C-alpha atoms as a PDB file:
ATOM      1  CA  UNK A   1       0.344  -0.198  -0.105  1.00  0.00           C
ATOM      2  CA  UNK A   2       1.432   3.571  -0.953  1.00  0.00           C
ATOM      3  CA  UNK A   3       2.906   5.963   1.807  1.00  0.00           C
ATOM      4  CA  UNK A   4      -0.692   7.880  -0.316  1.00  0.00           C
ATOM      5  CA  UNK A   5      -3.305   5.827  -0.029  1.00  0.00           C
ATOM      6  CA  UNK A   6      -2.664   5.291   3.794  1.00  0.00           C
ATOM      7  CA  UNK A   7      -2.705   8.711   3.879  1.00  0.00           C
ATOM      8  CA  UNK A   8      -6.260   8.601   2.676  1.00  0.00           C
ATOM      9  CA  UNK A   9      -7.524   5.854   4.616  1.00  0.00           C
ATOM     10  CA  UNK A  10      -6.047   7.349   7.649  1.00  0.00           C
ATOM     11  CA  UNK A  11      -8.119  10.359   6.513  1.00  0.00           C
ATOM     12  CA  UNK A  12     -11.766   8.805   5.999  1.00  0.00           C
ATOM     13  CA  UNK A  13     -10.855   6.646   8.891  1.00  0.00           C
ATOM     14  CA  UNK A  14     -10.716  10.278  10.593  1.00  0.00           C
ATOM     15  CA  UNK A  15     -13.167  11.970   9.343  1.00  0.00           C
ATOM     16  CA  UNK A  16     -15.841   8.849   9.981  1.00  0.00           C
ATOM     17  CA  UNK A  17     -14.346   9.055  13.836  1.00  0.00           C
ATOM     18  CA  UNK A  18     -15.619  12.891  13.957  1.00  0.00           C
ATOM     19  CA  UNK A  19     -18.768  12.908  12.689  1.00  0.00           C
ATOM     20  CA  UNK A  20     -19.855   9.143  15.000  1.00  0.00           C
ATOM     21  CA  UNK A  21     -18.402  11.755  17.719  1.00  0.00           C
ATOM     22  CA  UNK A  22     -20.991  14.224  16.564  1.00  0.00           C
ATOM     23  CA  UNK A  23     -23.394  12.328  16.017  1.00  0.00           C
ATOM     24  CA  UNK A  24     -24.077  11.590  19.097  1.00  0.00           C
ATOM     25  CA  UNK A  25     -26.973  12.101  21.480  1.00  0.00           C
ATOM     26  CA  UNK A  26     -26.099  13.839  24.372  1.00  0.00           C
ATOM     27  CA  UNK A  27     -29.289  12.779  26.345  1.00  0.00           C
ATOM     28  CA  UNK A  28     -31.249   8.941  25.418  1.00  0.00           C
ATOM     29  CA  UNK A  29     -34.698   9.213  24.608  1.00  0.00           C
ATOM     30  CA  UNK A  30     -37.263   7.577  26.835  1.00  0.00           C
ATOM     31  CA  UNK A  31     -39.244   4.736  26.303  1.00  0.00           C
ATOM     32  CA  UNK A  32     -42.755   4.915  27.557  1.00  0.00           C
ATOM     33  CA  UNK A  33     -45.049   2.610  26.413  1.00  0.00           C
ATOM     34  CA  UNK A  34     -48.856   1.939  26.495  1.00  0.00           C
ATOM     35  CA  UNK A  35     -48.658  -1.895  26.921  1.00  0.00           C
ATOM     36  CA  UNK A  36     -47.195  -3.513  29.663  1.00  0.00           C
ATOM     37  CA  UNK A  37     -44.981  -5.649  29.643  1.00  0.00           C
ATOM     38  CA  UNK A  38     -44.190  -9.715  29.186  1.00  0.00           C
ATOM     39  CA  UNK A  39     -42.931 -11.449  32.869  1.00  0.00           C
ATOM     40  CA  UNK A  40     -39.116 -11.597  31.982  1.00  0.00           C
ATOM     41  CA  UNK A  41     -37.575 -14.905  30.047  1.00  0.00           C
ATOM     42  CA  UNK A  42     -35.973 -17.523  32.392  1.00  0.00           C
ATOM     43  CA  UNK A  43     -32.648 -17.618  30.396  1.00  0.00           C
ATOM     44  CA  UNK A  44     -29.596 -20.076  30.517  1.00  0.00           C
ATOM     45  CA  UNK A  45     -26.906 -18.216  32.346  1.00  0.00           C
ATOM     46  CA  UNK A  46     -24.148 -20.347  31.718  1.00  0.00           C
ATOM     47  CA  UNK A  47     -21.179 -21.047  33.659  1.00  0.00           C
ATOM     48  CA  UNK A  48     -19.893 -17.852  35.691  1.00  0.00           C
ATOM     49  CA  UNK A  49     -16.272 -15.924  34.495  1.00  0.00           C
ATOM     50  CA  UNK A  50     -13.950 -14.420  36.581  1.00  0.00           C
ATOM     51  CA  UNK A  51     -13.662 -10.168  36.001  1.00  0.00           C
ATOM     52  CA  UNK A  52     -17.873 -10.360  34.943  1.00  0.00           C
ATOM     53  CA  UNK A  53     -21.307 -10.246  35.732  1.00  0.00           C
ATOM     54  CA  UNK A  54     -24.645 -10.861  34.532  1.00  0.00           C
ATOM     55  CA  UNK A  55     -26.599  -8.782  32.391  1.00  0.00           C
ATOM     56  CA  UNK A  56     -29.860 -10.271  32.097  1.00  0.00           C
ATOM     57  CA  UNK A  57     -31.907 -10.531  29.131  1.00  0.00           C
ATOM     58  CA  UNK A  58     -34.420  -7.589  29.807  1.00  0.00           C
ATOM     59  CA  UNK A  59     -37.920  -6.607  26.713  1.00  0.00           C
ATOM     60  CA  UNK A  60     -37.036  -4.484  24.401  1.00  0.00           C
ATOM     61  CA  UNK A  61     -40.666  -1.898  23.166  1.00  0.00           C
ATOM     62  CA  UNK A  62     -39.868  -0.710  19.408  1.00  0.00           C
ATOM     63  CA  UNK A  63     -43.208   1.051  19.185  1.00  0.00           C
ATOM     64  CA  UNK A  64     -45.103  -1.721  18.614  1.00  0.00           C
ATOM     65  CA  UNK A  65     -43.979  -4.508  19.672  1.00  0.00           C
ATOM     66  CA  UNK A  66     -42.484  -5.952  22.898  1.00  0.00           C
ATOM     67  CA  UNK A  67     -38.778  -8.223  21.341  1.00  0.00           C
ATOM     68  CA  UNK A  68     -36.818 -10.164  23.462  1.00  0.00           C
ATOM     69  CA  UNK A  69     -33.193  -8.397  24.229  1.00  0.00           C
ATOM     70  CA  UNK A  70     -31.536 -12.260  25.650  1.00  0.00           C
ATOM     71  CA  UNK A  71     -28.587 -11.283  28.469  1.00  0.00           C
ATOM     72  CA  UNK A  72     -24.759 -11.325  28.763  1.00  0.00           C
ATOM     73  CA  UNK A  73     -21.868 -11.645  30.403  1.00  0.00           C
ATOM     74  CA  UNK A  74     -20.301  -7.663  30.718  1.00  0.00           C
ATOM     75  CA  UNK A  75     -16.746  -6.564  32.537  1.00  0.00           C
ATOM     76  CA  UNK A  76     -16.557  -5.809  35.842  1.00  0.00           C
ATOM     77  CA  UNK A  77     -16.095  -1.187  36.850  1.00  0.00           C
ATOM     78  CA  UNK A  78     -14.379  -1.705  39.867  1.00  0.00           C
ATOM     79  CA  UNK A  79     -16.489  -1.711  42.639  1.00  0.00           C
ATOM     80  CA  UNK A  80     -19.187  -0.467  41.365  1.00  0.00           C
ATOM     81  CA  UNK A  81     -22.888  -2.797  40.305  1.00  0.00           C
ATOM     82  CA  UNK A  82     -24.911  -3.374  37.892  1.00  0.00           C
ATOM     83  CA  UNK A  83     -28.564  -2.635  37.767  1.00  0.00           C
ATOM     84  CA  UNK A  84     -30.101  -4.453  35.659  1.00  0.00           C
ATOM     85  CA  UNK A  85     -32.623  -3.044  32.708  1.00  0.00           C
ATOM     86  CA  UNK A  86     -36.142  -2.942  33.311  1.00  0.00           C
ATOM     87  CA  UNK A  87     -39.958  -1.768  33.377  1.00  0.00           C
ATOM     88  CA  UNK A  88     -40.947   0.841  35.754  1.00  0.00           C
ATOM     89  CA  UNK A  89     -45.123   1.327  36.042  1.00  0.00           C
ATOM     90  CA  UNK A  90     -45.468   4.954  35.530  1.00  0.00           C
ATOM     91  CA  UNK A  91     -49.388   5.378  36.432  1.00  0.00           C
ATOM     92  CA  UNK A  92     -51.110   3.425  33.752  1.00  0.00           C
ATOM     93  CA  UNK A  93     -47.948   3.496  31.446  1.00  0.00           C
ATOM     94  CA  UNK A  94     -44.170   1.469  32.394  1.00  0.00           C
ATOM     95  CA  UNK A  95     -40.804   3.418  31.355  1.00  0.00           C
ATOM     96  CA  UNK A  96     -37.672   1.854  29.812  1.00  0.00           C
ATOM     97  CA  UNK A  97     -34.817   2.042  32.535  1.00  0.00           C
ATOM     98  CA  UNK A  98     -31.961   0.867  30.816  1.00  0.00           C
ATOM     99  CA  UNK A  99     -29.251  -1.557  32.873  1.00  0.00           C
ATOM    100  CA  UNK A 100     -26.539   1.610  34.358  1.00  0.00           C
ATOM    101  CA  UNK A 101     -23.651   0.694  37.340  1.00  0.00           C
ATOM    102  CA  UNK A 102     -23.726   2.329  40.605  1.00  0.00           C
ATOM    103  CA  UNK A 103     -20.733   2.988  42.915  1.00  0.00           C
ATOM    104  CA  UNK A 104     -21.433   0.944  46.562  1.00  0.00           C
ATOM    105  CA  UNK A 105     -22.393   3.069  49.780  1.00  0.00           C
ATOM    106  CA  UNK A 106     -19.236   2.643  51.853  1.00  0.00           C
ATOM    107  CA  UNK A 107     -19.418   0.270  54.283  1.00  0.00           C
END
């Protein structure tokens, strides 16, 4: 590969990355449904893995129907613990709370 091609490829990748950074939303849109989610599915977690925690599956709402998203093992984040994705009642509706890391209080 010539130096000109390498420079062109690097410029395209850099520009692509810059565009992706500008396109990323500053915050996620709140997901609310008038339809209650189905009960969570039972999942086979497999064997525990050192340095990972289980992020349980959840129901994803696309505006018309729910779709199951399977759980997976995710890398631990220091002393924080994983709060699973969940749906909480909001009056007659349901609000999706995305999974997130929470720092444990000092004991």
